[in-house]
Amino acid sequence: MTFYMAHQPFRFLVLGGTGSMGYAFAQELLQQREQVTLLVRNRQKAERLFGPHPSLQLVTGDAQDAALLKELGAAATHIFHGINYPYEQWEAHMERVTRHVVEAAAQQNATVLFPGNIYNFGLTTPITEGTPFAPTTKKGAIRVRLEEILQQAAESQTCRVITLRLPDFWGPNVMNEGIAPIFRAALQGKPMPWLYRNDIPHQLVYTPDAARVFYELAKLQPAEPYAVYNFAGEVVPSVKAWQRQIAEAAGTAPKHKLYPGWLFKLMGLFSPGMREISEMGYLWQHTLLLHDDKLRRTLPNLPHTPMKQAIEETLAWFRENWHV
């Protein structure tokens, strides 16, 4: 595989910048003194998260507004597609917004940076960049379709794409219902929750590390128009052991709470969100592993924040931003 070093100056448009990966990537860009435009629906939230910064521009709006996205994309060299919706809204929104991103990137042949996941592969493990798609869920099929849209756009020279596939991610401002309650509970000395099983190995990635990988790949710019990499992060021996580390760092006694699968099936009778979680139960019942040999060859000095430091940084963020 060949690469060319992309020329400065970069101009990054970050979508989903107040969410988990978008926040981490925007913070990385600001630390690198890059020019960043954030398209946000909640300006007040973005101002709380980022504060004033000389190279940051906030624009209030919605990525479903195709005209606005094209207007912002016209000045971008890179567009970070960190947009996400609650599971039950994926079918209605994710494909449409991804097509809007492609249209915005097409104006300057910008590079779309896309956080992938493992939903495309069902129970397949280990997963390499060449592993065939084998989704077993509706959301897995949607993720396959999103990657197909991006690949087709890149191969037709509409834009360039770098997809970085990630396992479960955690870190500052990761506010999903799998991760945030763990850190809040640890700080309060309450039982730390998890789903299905907490006694098997689980693969995790710290969002600031993934953000640095995205930035390094953007600088390197693979010569291939559609480039896919896995980032494996770290495998913890069990979520229960990982939670114990978190509680100890928080200065509280480790307590655990496990939600069984039957509970989500029962609640799914009344709640669309719970039905969607129940469908994805295999993710917490099995150890699924990404392999990232390709990325390690590409970036020999792959970033890795030591677990103890990463836990302390995340706890510090939750202490300071409890109600964000």
Foldseek 3Di string as FASTA:
>chain_A
DAWDFDDDDFAEEEEPCLADLNVLLVVVCLVVVHQYEYEAQDVVSVCVSPPDGPRYHYHHDDLLPLVVLLVVLLPGQEYEPPDDDQLLCLVVPVVSSLVSNLNSCLNPLHEYEYEAECQQDPQDPDDEPPDDGDHPFPVNVSSVVSLVVQVVCLVVSSHAYEYEYEYAEDFFSNPDPAHVQLLVCLLVQHAGEHEADFQAKEWYAYSNLVSVLSVVCVRGGGPRRYHYFYDGHDIDRGNQVLSCLLSVLSVHHHHHDYHHLVVLVVVVVPDVSSVSVSRVRVNVVDHYTYDGPVSCVVPVCRDHDPSNVRSNNRSVSCVVPVPD
